[in-house]
Amino acid sequence: MHLYRSGMPLAILAEWLGHENLETTLIYAYADTEMKRKAIEKASKDNVLKNDEKVAIWEDNEDILSKLCGLT
């Protein structure tokens, strides 16, 4: 998990651990809340603000929020 959280791609981590199947690695390697937050910030770096307000684009979007919380 430390390597994955530090940015190592899951496929490389699985290979490094000697797993034939990526599903084996997924048993214990998962994206935690902090990783999801950083990914959203990175992906939406230029789109975080709307209408010149300091409001995150996901703030009023129930679909995004439910996906982030793992509800869908």
Protein backbone atom coordinates (compact mmCIF):
# COMPACT_ATOMS: atom_id res chain seq x y z
CA MET A 1 0.00 0.00 0.00
CA HIS A 2 2.85 2.40 0.71
CA LEU A 3 4.20 2.01 -2.82
CA TYR A 4 0.72 2.39 -4.32
CA ARG A 5 -0.01 5.48 -2.23
CA SER A 6 3.33 6.92 -3.29
CA GLY A 7 2.27 6.74 -6.91
CA MET A 8 3.40 3.36 -8.19
CA PRO A 9 0.91 2.20 -10.85
CA LEU A 10 -1.09 -0.80 -9.70
CA ALA A 11 -0.09 -2.90 -12.72
CA ILE A 12 3.61 -2.41 -11.97
CA LEU A 13 3.05 -3.12 -8.30
CA ALA A 14 1.26 -6.37 -9.16
CA GLU A 15 4.13 -7.41 -11.42
CA TRP A 16 6.71 -6.44 -8.82
CA LEU A 17 4.92 -8.57 -6.23
CA GLY A 18 4.83 -11.48 -8.66
CA HIS A 19 1.06 -11.59 -9.04
CA GLU A 20 -0.08 -13.21 -12.27
CA ASN A 21 -3.49 -11.59 -12.01
CA LEU A 22 -4.13 -7.94 -11.15
CA GLU A 23 -7.22 -9.05 -9.20
CA THR A 24 -4.90 -10.59 -6.60
CA THR A 25 -3.33 -7.20 -5.93
CA LEU A 26 -6.73 -5.53 -5.75
CA ILE A 27 -7.58 -7.61 -2.68
CA TYR A 28 -5.49 -5.30 -0.50
CA ALA A 29 -4.48 -2.39 -2.76
CA TYR A 30 -7.26 0.15 -3.01
CA ALA A 31 -7.54 3.89 -3.48
CA ASP A 32 -8.14 5.49 -0.09
CA THR A 33 -9.87 8.84 0.42
CA GLU A 34 -6.63 10.84 0.26
CA MET A 35 -5.62 9.20 -3.03
CA LYS A 36 -9.05 9.98 -4.48
CA ARG A 37 -8.82 13.61 -3.33
CA LYS A 38 -5.39 14.06 -4.91
CA ALA A 39 -6.56 12.43 -8.15
CA ILE A 40 -9.56 14.76 -8.35
CA GLU A 41 -7.40 17.80 -7.70
CA LYS A 42 -4.92 16.71 -10.37
CA ALA A 43 -7.60 15.87 -12.93
CA SER A 44 -9.60 19.02 -12.37
CA LYS A 45 -6.74 21.43 -11.79
CA ASP A 46 -8.10 23.88 -14.37
CA ASN A 47 -11.77 23.18 -13.69
CA VAL A 48 -12.06 23.43 -9.91
CA LEU A 49 -13.65 26.86 -9.96
CA LYS A 50 -16.93 27.70 -11.61
CA ASN A 51 -18.18 31.20 -12.34
CA ASP A 52 -15.09 32.69 -10.65
CA GLU A 53 -16.25 31.32 -7.30
CA LYS A 54 -14.16 29.17 -5.02
CA VAL A 55 -16.50 26.20 -5.23
CA ALA A 56 -15.34 22.73 -6.14
CA ILE A 57 -17.07 21.32 -9.22
CA TRP A 58 -18.09 18.22 -7.26
CA GLU A 59 -19.66 20.17 -4.39
CA ASP A 60 -23.17 20.25 -5.86
CA ASN A 61 -22.85 17.09 -7.95
CA GLU A 62 -24.49 14.14 -6.21
CA ASP A 63 -23.27 11.72 -8.90
CA ILE A 64 -19.60 12.56 -8.33
CA LEU A 65 -20.02 12.57 -4.55
CA SER A 66 -21.69 9.16 -4.51
CA LYS A 67 -18.91 7.70 -6.68
CA LEU A 68 -16.24 9.18 -4.42
CA CYS A 69 -17.94 7.72 -1.37
CA GLY A 70 -18.22 4.34 -3.07
CA LEU A 71 -22.00 4.37 -3.09
CA THR A 72 -22.33 3.50 -6.79
